[in-house]
Structures are given as C-alpha cells and as structure tokens.
Amino acid sequence: MRAHAAGAVVVSPMLLRLARERATGALVRDHGTLYLVDGRVVHAESPVAPGPDVLLTAGGRRPRRGRIAVGELEICRLGALFDAAFFALAPGRGPARFQYGTVHGTHAVRAVRPVSAADVERETLRRRELLDSVWPYPAVDAAPVVPRPAAPGQTVTARGRALLAHADGTRTPAQLAWALGRPAFHTLLDVRRLAAAGLVATPPEPSPYDPAPHRPSPYDPAPHRPSPHPVAGFTPDPDIALLRRLRDALEAHL
C-alpha cells in the first residue's frame, strides 16, 4: 500500500495503471487474482474467500429447485467479487504480475457487471479501516479462534453464537468462513468484534525482533470446506451498507 502524490492512500498502483491502460488480463498476487476486461474488474478469486455458490448453498439461500432471482444472484456475485478482491489486494511477500490477455473461463465473468478499479480500491480501503476501528489487533485474523466465556449478563448476537459454536480452538477465521459459508471479510469482522467484547482470545502481537521464518497469514488457503447443508439456526446477516452500494452501482449501469 502506497501514498499517492496527492496524499491519498493507494492499495495497488499496478491495478490503477492497468485501469488507465484499459488492459485485459489477470493481475496475479500472493493471495488471489483479479481479472480485468478493458481496465475494469470483472472477476476476483482468492483461496480465502468462498465463492457465490458456497455462499448461497451453505448460507441456506439457494431454493430447492435451484432457481434464484437474477438481481439477488448478481448482488451475491458482486459481494463475492469485493470479498475476494479484499484478500487478493492484501500485502504479499512477492511482486504482483499481470498476464495480458488471460481471461477467466467461468460464466461468472459474463454475468457480473464490470467494477471500476477505483471502486475496488475504495472498498478495500474502507474494509481495512473498519477492521482496525473495531479492534486494532491484526494478529486475531491469523490465529485459531479460541472462545472465552461470556461475562454474567453479556449478550451475544446470533451470528456470534453460530461462529463460536464452530470455533474449536484450531480453526482460523478463514477456515470458519468456509465452514459457515460466510464471506471471509465478514467473518474477520465478526471475530474482531468478538475479540473486542472479550469473547475470543487475542493473541500477543509478534515482536519485530523475534526471528520468524514464516509467520501465519490470515490469507493463507483454508483447507476446511463447508457442509452442503445449511448451518442450523444460522440466518445470513448481510452488510446492509455494502448491499446498498452494490444496488446503487447496478442501477448506475442500467
């Protein structure tokens, strides 16, 4: 992440340059890939972030006959795009590279309306700032989620209870996202909120002076995969503000 000449923070200078060039291809980074057509993002994927099919199936929103409203499906796909882009644009250990002409082969690319690079950057920055405003301890993102007992009279939301019920002391937030069929960023946010409330242990921040050949990353692939059946008692609680922004973006292109 760099500072722009005008003082604004820039997540990926390469992404913005490719947007100006109206490039088509795949921007490959350590934690995911962004696919561009004419400089606009049409698809994003990350091993951390569950895709639309997982979100719809494990979240219990896919109808029995397999049909879902076109508008709802497109909002889900756009939400999954922003979710994967957040992790794909996370700081990595190696340089990013762009493969000109590479396109994604699934129908998702044709179904999702293109998103500007500026919108992807803006949403990624908003999410980073939101995480830090809730609980400024990023070590929580990479560590196994270890529940702590609630204080007398302390209430826990339904989302929090479902997450804590699946936290066995070994699963990381990314693995819980796959197990629950939730967006990975929303799971990170839930874990930070639980940590701020004292319901999840906060690991000590690693010292910069301690030798660490490989520190855990919250954006490493998640080996756990969700059950094909909806989680009992779990009702998706979407980010209403994000849904409104996605709706506005869709209406702007009509």
C-alpha atoms as a PDB file:
ATOM      1  CA  MET A   1       0.000   0.000   0.000  1.00  0.00           C
ATOM      2  CA  ARG A   2       1.472   3.354  -1.061  1.00  0.00           C
ATOM      3  CA  ALA A   3       0.641   7.027  -0.742  1.00  0.00           C
ATOM      4  CA  HIS A   4      -0.424   8.768  -3.913  1.00  0.00           C
ATOM      5  CA  ALA A   5       1.254  12.003  -4.873  1.00  0.00           C
ATOM      6  CA  ALA A   6      -1.882  13.894  -3.850  1.00  0.00           C
ATOM      7  CA  GLY A   7      -1.813  12.299  -0.405  1.00  0.00           C
ATOM      8  CA  ALA A   8      -4.426   9.597  -0.984  1.00  0.00           C
ATOM      9  CA  VAL A   9      -3.604   6.033   0.017  1.00  0.00           C
ATOM     10  CA  VAL A  10      -3.297   3.617  -2.902  1.00  0.00           C
ATOM     11  CA  VAL A  11      -3.724  -0.127  -2.392  1.00  0.00           C
ATOM     12  CA  SER A  12      -2.330  -1.239  -5.761  1.00  0.00           C
ATOM     13  CA  PRO A  13      -0.604   1.236  -8.096  1.00  0.00           C
ATOM     14  CA  MET A  14      -0.401  -1.521 -10.709  1.00  0.00           C
ATOM     15  CA  LEU A  15      -4.182  -2.010 -10.674  1.00  0.00           C
ATOM     16  CA  LEU A  16      -4.777   1.696 -11.256  1.00  0.00           C
ATOM     17  CA  ARG A  17      -2.181   1.786 -14.029  1.00  0.00           C
ATOM     18  CA  LEU A  18      -3.841  -1.183 -15.747  1.00  0.00           C
ATOM     19  CA  ALA A  19      -7.184   0.577 -15.454  1.00  0.00           C
ATOM     20  CA  ARG A  20      -5.762   3.657 -17.189  1.00  0.00           C
ATOM     21  CA  GLU A  21      -4.361   1.409 -19.924  1.00  0.00           C
ATOM     22  CA  ARG A  22      -7.743  -0.327 -20.311  1.00  0.00           C
ATOM     23  CA  ALA A  23      -5.843  -3.583 -20.064  1.00  0.00           C
ATOM     24  CA  THR A  24      -7.359  -7.052 -20.318  1.00  0.00           C
ATOM     25  CA  GLY A  25      -5.840  -9.922 -18.383  1.00  0.00           C
ATOM     26  CA  ALA A  26      -5.177 -11.340 -14.917  1.00  0.00           C
ATOM     27  CA  LEU A  27      -3.473  -9.453 -12.083  1.00  0.00           C
ATOM     28  CA  VAL A  28      -1.887 -12.251 -10.050  1.00  0.00           C
ATOM     29  CA  ARG A  29      -0.881 -11.603  -6.443  1.00  0.00           C
ATOM     30  CA  ASP A  30       0.093 -13.754  -3.477  1.00  0.00           C
ATOM     31  CA  HIS A  31      -3.411 -14.129  -2.072  1.00  0.00           C
ATOM     32  CA  GLY A  32      -5.601 -14.051  -5.153  1.00  0.00           C
ATOM     33  CA  THR A  33      -6.213 -12.876  -8.696  1.00  0.00           C
ATOM     34  CA  LEU A  34      -8.172 -10.021 -10.257  1.00  0.00           C
ATOM     35  CA  TYR A  35      -9.447 -10.411 -13.824  1.00  0.00           C
ATOM     36  CA  LEU A  36      -9.761  -7.261 -15.909  1.00  0.00           C
ATOM     37  CA  VAL A  37     -11.510  -6.522 -19.192  1.00  0.00           C
ATOM     38  CA  ASP A  38     -10.816  -3.118 -20.722  1.00  0.00           C
ATOM     39  CA  GLY A  39      -9.359  -1.960 -17.412  1.00  0.00           C
ATOM     40  CA  ARG A  40     -12.397  -2.891 -15.310  1.00  0.00           C
ATOM     41  CA  VAL A  41     -12.579  -5.731 -12.783  1.00  0.00           C
ATOM     42  CA  VAL A  42     -14.952  -8.489 -13.913  1.00  0.00           C
ATOM     43  CA  HIS A  43     -13.935 -11.269 -11.522  1.00  0.00           C
ATOM     44  CA  ALA A  44     -11.825 -11.849  -8.427  1.00  0.00           C
ATOM     45  CA  GLU A  45     -10.838 -15.030  -6.685  1.00  0.00           C
ATOM     46  CA  SER A  46      -8.895 -15.934  -3.575  1.00  0.00           C
ATOM     47  CA  PRO A  47      -8.417 -19.278  -1.812  1.00  0.00           C
ATOM     48  CA  VAL A  48      -9.544 -17.486   1.352  1.00  0.00           C
ATOM     49  CA  ALA A  49     -12.913 -16.233   0.107  1.00  0.00           C
ATOM     50  CA  PRO A  50     -15.832 -18.606  -0.566  1.00  0.00           C
ATOM     51  CA  GLY A  51     -17.418 -18.118  -3.966  1.00  0.00           C
ATOM     52  CA  PRO A  52     -21.073 -17.326  -4.729  1.00  0.00           C
ATOM     53  CA  ASP A  53     -22.081 -20.995  -4.962  1.00  0.00           C
ATOM     54  CA  VAL A  54     -20.722 -21.695  -1.489  1.00  0.00           C
ATOM     55  CA  LEU A  55     -22.319 -18.575  -0.037  1.00  0.00           C
ATOM     56  CA  LEU A  56     -25.711 -19.438  -1.496  1.00  0.00           C
ATOM     57  CA  THR A  57     -25.626 -23.149  -0.667  1.00  0.00           C
ATOM     58  CA  ALA A  58     -24.075 -23.163   2.802  1.00  0.00           C
ATOM     59  CA  GLY A  59     -25.927 -19.993   3.761  1.00  0.00           C
ATOM     60  CA  GLY A  60     -29.238 -21.690   3.026  1.00  0.00           C
ATOM     61  CA  ARG A  61     -30.377 -19.143   0.424  1.00  0.00           C
ATOM     62  CA  ARG A  62     -30.452 -21.354  -2.679  1.00  0.00           C
ATOM     63  CA  PRO A  63     -34.021 -22.523  -3.383  1.00  0.00           C
ATOM     64  CA  ARG A  64     -34.712 -26.244  -3.595  1.00  0.00           C
ATOM     65  CA  ARG A  65     -35.335 -26.015  -7.335  1.00  0.00           C
ATOM     66  CA  GLY A  66     -32.000 -24.274  -7.803  1.00  0.00           C
ATOM     67  CA  ARG A  67     -33.526 -21.006  -9.011  1.00  0.00           C
ATOM     68  CA  ILE A  68     -32.783 -17.602  -7.567  1.00  0.00           C
ATOM     69  CA  ALA A  69     -33.766 -14.103  -8.628  1.00  0.00           C
ATOM     70  CA  VAL A  70     -31.386 -12.566 -11.158  1.00  0.00           C
ATOM     71  CA  GLY A  71     -30.916  -9.394  -9.114  1.00  0.00           C
ATOM     72  CA  GLU A  72     -30.154 -11.287  -5.909  1.00  0.00           C
ATOM     73  CA  LEU A  73     -27.705 -13.544  -7.723  1.00  0.00           C
ATOM     74  CA  GLU A  74     -25.868 -10.584  -9.237  1.00  0.00           C
ATOM     75  CA  ILE A  75     -25.648  -8.837  -5.857  1.00  0.00           C
ATOM     76  CA  CYS A  76     -24.265 -12.053  -4.360  1.00  0.00           C
ATOM     77  CA  ARG A  77     -21.664 -12.300  -7.124  1.00  0.00           C
ATOM     78  CA  LEU A  78     -20.656  -8.672  -6.744  1.00  0.00           C
ATOM     79  CA  GLY A  79     -20.348  -9.175  -2.995  1.00  0.00           C
ATOM     80  CA  ALA A  80     -18.149 -12.222  -3.595  1.00  0.00           C
ATOM     81  CA  LEU A  81     -16.043 -10.178  -6.038  1.00  0.00           C
ATOM     82  CA  PHE A  82     -15.366  -7.470  -3.434  1.00  0.00           C
ATOM     83  CA  ASP A  83     -14.707 -10.144  -0.796  1.00  0.00           C
ATOM     84  CA  ALA A  84     -12.101 -11.937  -2.912  1.00  0.00           C
ATOM     85  CA  ALA A  85     -10.584  -8.638  -4.076  1.00  0.00           C
ATOM     86  CA  PHE A  86     -10.017  -7.568  -0.467  1.00  0.00           C
ATOM     87  CA  PHE A  87      -7.770 -10.574   0.111  1.00  0.00           C
ATOM     88  CA  ALA A  88      -6.196 -10.536  -3.344  1.00  0.00           C
ATOM     89  CA  LEU A  89      -5.052  -6.949  -2.719  1.00  0.00           C
ATOM     90  CA  ALA A  90      -3.636  -7.739   0.728  1.00  0.00           C
ATOM     91  CA  PRO A  91       0.101  -7.125   1.201  1.00  0.00           C
ATOM     92  CA  GLY A  92       2.090 -10.115  -0.022  1.00  0.00           C
ATOM     93  CA  ARG A  93       5.600 -11.476   0.105  1.00  0.00           C
ATOM     94  CA  GLY A  94       6.282 -11.313  -3.608  1.00  0.00           C
ATOM     95  CA  PRO A  95       5.728  -8.944  -6.537  1.00  0.00           C
ATOM     96  CA  ALA A  96       2.452  -8.795  -8.429  1.00  0.00           C
ATOM     97  CA  ARG A  97       2.423  -9.757 -12.094  1.00  0.00           C
ATOM     98  CA  PHE A  98      -0.031  -9.173 -14.912  1.00  0.00           C
ATOM     99  CA  GLN A  99      -0.813 -11.782 -17.539  1.00  0.00           C
ATOM    100  CA  TYR A 100      -2.043  -9.877 -20.579  1.00  0.00           C
ATOM    101  CA  GLY A 101      -4.912 -11.495 -22.438  1.00  0.00           C
ATOM    102  CA  THR A 102      -5.746 -14.041 -19.734  1.00  0.00           C
ATOM    103  CA  VAL A 103      -9.476 -14.307 -19.087  1.00  0.00           C
ATOM    104  CA  HIS A 104     -11.429 -16.294 -16.541  1.00  0.00           C
ATOM    105  CA  GLY A 105     -13.258 -19.235 -18.050  1.00  0.00           C
ATOM    106  CA  THR A 106     -16.408 -19.391 -15.917  1.00  0.00           C
ATOM    107  CA  HIS A 107     -19.827 -17.909 -16.595  1.00  0.00           C
ATOM    108  CA  ALA A 108     -19.339 -15.614 -13.588  1.00  0.00           C
ATOM    109  CA  VAL A 109     -17.242 -13.210 -15.654  1.00  0.00           C
ATOM    110  CA  ARG A 110     -20.025 -12.749 -18.195  1.00  0.00           C
ATOM    111  CA  ALA A 111     -22.717 -12.456 -15.515  1.00  0.00           C
ATOM    112  CA  VAL A 112     -21.196  -9.815 -13.248  1.00  0.00           C
ATOM    113  CA  ARG A 113     -21.233  -6.186 -14.313  1.00  0.00           C
ATOM    114  CA  PRO A 114     -17.706  -4.735 -14.501  1.00  0.00           C
ATOM    115  CA  VAL A 115     -16.472  -2.784 -11.488  1.00  0.00           C
ATOM    116  CA  SER A 116     -14.041   0.111 -11.776  1.00  0.00           C
ATOM    117  CA  ALA A 117     -10.595  -0.270 -10.253  1.00  0.00           C
ATOM    118  CA  ALA A 118     -11.234   2.882  -8.231  1.00  0.00           C
ATOM    119  CA  ASP A 119     -14.331   1.312  -6.649  1.00  0.00           C
ATOM    120  CA  VAL A 120     -12.397  -1.849  -5.789  1.00  0.00           C
ATOM    121  CA  GLU A 121      -9.605   0.217  -4.217  1.00  0.00           C
ATOM    122  CA  ARG A 122     -12.058   2.360  -2.277  1.00  0.00           C
ATOM    123  CA  GLU A 123     -13.964  -0.627  -0.875  1.00  0.00           C
ATOM    124  CA  THR A 124     -10.738  -2.412   0.071  1.00  0.00           C
ATOM    125  CA  LEU A 125      -9.503   0.622   1.995  1.00  0.00           C
ATOM    126  CA  ARG A 126     -12.871   1.031   3.713  1.00  0.00           C
ATOM    127  CA  ARG A 127     -12.737  -2.565   4.907  1.00  0.00           C
ATOM    128  CA  ARG A 128      -9.197  -2.250   6.232  1.00  0.00           C
ATOM    129  CA  GLU A 129     -10.144   0.863   8.178  1.00  0.00           C
ATOM    130  CA  LEU A 130     -13.282  -0.804   9.525  1.00  0.00           C
ATOM    131  CA  LEU A 131     -11.325  -3.769  10.878  1.00  0.00           C
ATOM    132  CA  ASP A 132      -8.892  -1.512  12.710  1.00  0.00           C
ATOM    133  CA  SER A 133     -11.675   0.673  14.088  1.00  0.00           C
ATOM    134  CA  VAL A 134     -13.345  -2.367  15.665  1.00  0.00           C
ATOM    135  CA  TRP A 135     -10.255  -3.992  17.206  1.00  0.00           C
ATOM    136  CA  PRO A 136      -6.777  -2.874  16.068  1.00  0.00           C
ATOM    137  CA  TYR A 137      -5.064  -6.235  16.611  1.00  0.00           C
ATOM    138  CA  PRO A 138      -4.499  -7.940  13.232  1.00  0.00           C
ATOM    139  CA  ALA A 139      -2.944 -10.988  14.911  1.00  0.00           C
ATOM    140  CA  VAL A 140      -6.522 -12.109  15.564  1.00  0.00           C
ATOM    141  CA  ASP A 141      -7.025 -12.575  11.817  1.00  0.00           C
ATOM    142  CA  ALA A 142      -4.410 -15.319  11.506  1.00  0.00           C
ATOM    143  CA  ALA A 143      -4.759 -17.140  14.819  1.00  0.00           C
ATOM    144  CA  PRO A 144      -7.077 -20.036  15.649  1.00  0.00           C
ATOM    145  CA  VAL A 145     -10.289 -18.670  17.135  1.00  0.00           C
ATOM    146  CA  VAL A 146     -10.287 -19.577  20.830  1.00  0.00           C
ATOM    147  CA  PRO A 147     -13.607 -18.788  22.562  1.00  0.00           C
ATOM    148  CA  ARG A 148     -13.662 -17.284  26.034  1.00  0.00           C
ATOM    149  CA  PRO A 149     -16.580 -17.475  28.488  1.00  0.00           C
ATOM    150  CA  ALA A 150     -19.068 -14.636  28.407  1.00  0.00           C
ATOM    151  CA  ALA A 151     -19.361 -12.361  31.407  1.00  0.00           C
ATOM    152  CA  PRO A 152     -22.526 -12.620  33.515  1.00  0.00           C
ATOM    153  CA  GLY A 153     -25.364 -10.963  31.625  1.00  0.00           C
ATOM    154  CA  GLN A 154     -23.285 -10.456  28.471  1.00  0.00           C
ATOM    155  CA  THR A 155     -25.317 -10.987  25.299  1.00  0.00           C
ATOM    156  CA  VAL A 156     -24.047 -12.489  22.058  1.00  0.00           C
ATOM    157  CA  THR A 157     -25.635 -11.981  18.643  1.00  0.00           C
ATOM    158  CA  ALA A 158     -26.967 -14.912  16.637  1.00  0.00           C
ATOM    159  CA  ARG A 159     -24.066 -14.523  14.204  1.00  0.00           C
ATOM    160  CA  GLY A 160     -21.623 -14.543  17.082  1.00  0.00           C
ATOM    161  CA  ARG A 161     -23.155 -17.645  18.627  1.00  0.00           C
ATOM    162  CA  ALA A 162     -23.003 -19.541  15.324  1.00  0.00           C
ATOM    163  CA  LEU A 163     -19.359 -18.601  14.866  1.00  0.00           C
ATOM    164  CA  LEU A 164     -18.387 -19.501  18.431  1.00  0.00           C
ATOM    165  CA  ALA A 165     -20.189 -22.833  18.126  1.00  0.00           C
ATOM    166  CA  HIS A 166     -17.875 -23.771  15.237  1.00  0.00           C
ATOM    167  CA  ALA A 167     -14.703 -22.363  16.816  1.00  0.00           C
ATOM    168  CA  ASP A 168     -12.857 -25.402  18.135  1.00  0.00           C
ATOM    169  CA  GLY A 169      -9.600 -23.674  19.009  1.00  0.00           C
ATOM    170  CA  THR A 170      -7.907 -24.844  15.796  1.00  0.00           C
ATOM    171  CA  ARG A 171      -9.874 -23.154  13.011  1.00  0.00           C
ATOM    172  CA  THR A 172      -8.766 -19.723  11.847  1.00  0.00           C
ATOM    173  CA  PRO A 173     -11.269 -17.055  10.751  1.00  0.00           C
ATOM    174  CA  ALA A 174     -10.669 -18.007   7.113  1.00  0.00           C
ATOM    175  CA  GLN A 175     -11.449 -21.652   7.840  1.00  0.00           C
ATOM    176  CA  LEU A 176     -14.570 -20.667   9.767  1.00  0.00           C
ATOM    177  CA  ALA A 177     -15.747 -18.620   6.789  1.00  0.00           C
ATOM    178  CA  TRP A 178     -15.679 -21.737   4.624  1.00  0.00           C
ATOM    179  CA  ALA A 179     -17.261 -23.893   7.328  1.00  0.00           C
ATOM    180  CA  LEU A 180     -20.138 -21.450   7.791  1.00  0.00           C
ATOM    181  CA  GLY A 181     -20.468 -20.398   4.171  1.00  0.00           C
ATOM    182  CA  ARG A 182     -19.970 -16.735   5.035  1.00  0.00           C
ATOM    183  CA  PRO A 183     -17.975 -14.031   3.269  1.00  0.00           C
ATOM    184  CA  ALA A 184     -14.414 -14.183   4.561  1.00  0.00           C
ATOM    185  CA  PHE A 185     -14.180 -10.472   5.329  1.00  0.00           C
ATOM    186  CA  HIS A 186     -17.411 -10.506   7.330  1.00  0.00           C
ATOM    187  CA  THR A 187     -16.012 -13.422   9.322  1.00  0.00           C
ATOM    188  CA  LEU A 188     -12.842 -11.446  10.078  1.00  0.00           C
ATOM    189  CA  LEU A 189     -15.018  -8.562  11.197  1.00  0.00           C
ATOM    190  CA  ASP A 190     -17.148 -10.807  13.419  1.00  0.00           C
ATOM    191  CA  VAL A 191     -14.045 -12.288  15.043  1.00  0.00           C
ATOM    192  CA  ARG A 192     -12.605  -8.848  15.764  1.00  0.00           C
ATOM    193  CA  ARG A 193     -15.906  -7.773  17.309  1.00  0.00           C
ATOM    194  CA  LEU A 194     -15.946 -10.886  19.479  1.00  0.00           C
ATOM    195  CA  ALA A 195     -12.336 -10.245  20.485  1.00  0.00           C
ATOM    196  CA  ALA A 196     -13.174  -6.642  21.377  1.00  0.00           C
ATOM    197  CA  ALA A 197     -16.001  -7.969  23.563  1.00  0.00           C
ATOM    198  CA  GLY A 198     -13.651 -10.415  25.290  1.00  0.00           C
ATOM    199  CA  LEU A 199     -15.413 -13.446  23.807  1.00  0.00           C
ATOM    200  CA  VAL A 200     -12.412 -14.527  21.728  1.00  0.00           C
ATOM    201  CA  ALA A 201      -8.801 -14.622  22.883  1.00  0.00           C
ATOM    202  CA  THR A 202      -6.483 -12.018  21.379  1.00  0.00           C
ATOM    203  CA  PRO A 203      -3.020 -13.484  20.757  1.00  0.00           C
ATOM    204  CA  PRO A 204       0.026 -11.348  21.539  1.00  0.00           C
ATOM    205  CA  GLU A 205       1.413  -9.377  18.635  1.00  0.00           C
ATOM    206  CA  PRO A 206       4.692 -10.885  17.350  1.00  0.00           C
ATOM    207  CA  SER A 207       7.766  -8.890  18.225  1.00  0.00           C
ATOM    208  CA  PRO A 208       9.631  -7.453  15.229  1.00  0.00           C
ATOM    209  CA  TYR A 209      12.840  -8.603  16.917  1.00  0.00           C
ATOM    210  CA  ASP A 210      11.826 -12.261  17.183  1.00  0.00           C
ATOM    211  CA  PRO A 211      13.096 -14.459  14.347  1.00  0.00           C
ATOM    212  CA  ALA A 212      10.131 -15.832  12.406  1.00  0.00           C
ATOM    213  CA  PRO A 213      10.887 -17.666   9.152  1.00  0.00           C
ATOM    214  CA  HIS A 214       7.173 -17.924   8.400  1.00  0.00           C
ATOM    215  CA  ARG A 215       4.550 -16.028  10.305  1.00  0.00           C
ATOM    216  CA  PRO A 216       0.949 -17.164   9.831  1.00  0.00           C
ATOM    217  CA  SER A 217      -1.113 -15.161   7.413  1.00  0.00           C
ATOM    218  CA  PRO A 218      -4.875 -14.701   7.632  1.00  0.00           C
ATOM    219  CA  TYR A 219      -4.909 -15.001   3.871  1.00  0.00           C
ATOM    220  CA  ASP A 220      -3.450 -18.494   3.564  1.00  0.00           C
ATOM    221  CA  PRO A 221      -5.744 -21.054   1.898  1.00  0.00           C
ATOM    222  CA  ALA A 222      -8.413 -22.565   4.112  1.00  0.00           C
ATOM    223  CA  PRO A 223      -8.432 -26.385   3.996  1.00  0.00           C
ATOM    224  CA  HIS A 224     -11.858 -26.733   5.618  1.00  0.00           C
ATOM    225  CA  ARG A 225     -14.831 -26.774   3.270  1.00  0.00           C
ATOM    226  CA  PRO A 226     -18.443 -26.171   4.242  1.00  0.00           C
ATOM    227  CA  SER A 227     -21.159 -28.752   4.636  1.00  0.00           C
ATOM    228  CA  PRO A 228     -23.537 -28.824   1.659  1.00  0.00           C
ATOM    229  CA  HIS A 229     -26.392 -28.383   4.136  1.00  0.00           C
ATOM    230  CA  PRO A 230     -27.313 -25.032   5.713  1.00  0.00           C
ATOM    231  CA  VAL A 231     -25.984 -24.399   9.214  1.00  0.00           C
ATOM    232  CA  ALA A 232     -28.799 -25.000  11.672  1.00  0.00           C
ATOM    233  CA  GLY A 233     -30.103 -21.842  13.266  1.00  0.00           C
ATOM    234  CA  PHE A 234     -27.986 -19.583  11.052  1.00  0.00           C
ATOM    235  CA  THR A 235     -29.582 -16.745   9.140  1.00  0.00           C
ATOM    236  CA  PRO A 236     -27.292 -14.659   6.918  1.00  0.00           C
ATOM    237  CA  ASP A 237     -26.879 -11.086   8.154  1.00  0.00           C
ATOM    238  CA  PRO A 238     -25.522  -9.164   5.156  1.00  0.00           C
ATOM    239  CA  ASP A 239     -23.615  -5.923   5.309  1.00  0.00           C
ATOM    240  CA  ILE A 240     -26.589  -3.643   4.602  1.00  0.00           C
ATOM    241  CA  ALA A 241     -24.412  -0.668   3.678  1.00  0.00           C
ATOM    242  CA  LEU A 242     -22.470  -2.785   1.171  1.00  0.00           C
ATOM    243  CA  LEU A 243     -25.691  -4.151  -0.334  1.00  0.00           C
ATOM    244  CA  ARG A 244     -26.937  -0.608  -0.811  1.00  0.00           C
ATOM    245  CA  ARG A 245     -23.698   0.381  -2.545  1.00  0.00           C
ATOM    246  CA  LEU A 246     -23.940  -2.677  -4.799  1.00  0.00           C
ATOM    247  CA  ARG A 247     -27.562  -1.826  -5.618  1.00  0.00           C
ATOM    248  CA  ASP A 248     -26.606   1.760  -6.458  1.00  0.00           C
ATOM    249  CA  ALA A 249     -23.756   0.526  -8.647  1.00  0.00           C
ATOM    250  CA  LEU A 250     -26.121  -1.761 -10.547  1.00  0.00           C
ATOM    251  CA  GLU A 251     -28.689   0.991 -11.043  1.00  0.00           C
ATOM    252  CA  ALA A 252     -25.987   3.346 -12.309  1.00  0.00           C
ATOM    253  CA  HIS A 253     -25.237   0.940 -15.171  1.00  0.00           C
ATOM    254  CA  LEU A 254     -28.845   0.336 -16.206  1.00  0.00           C
END
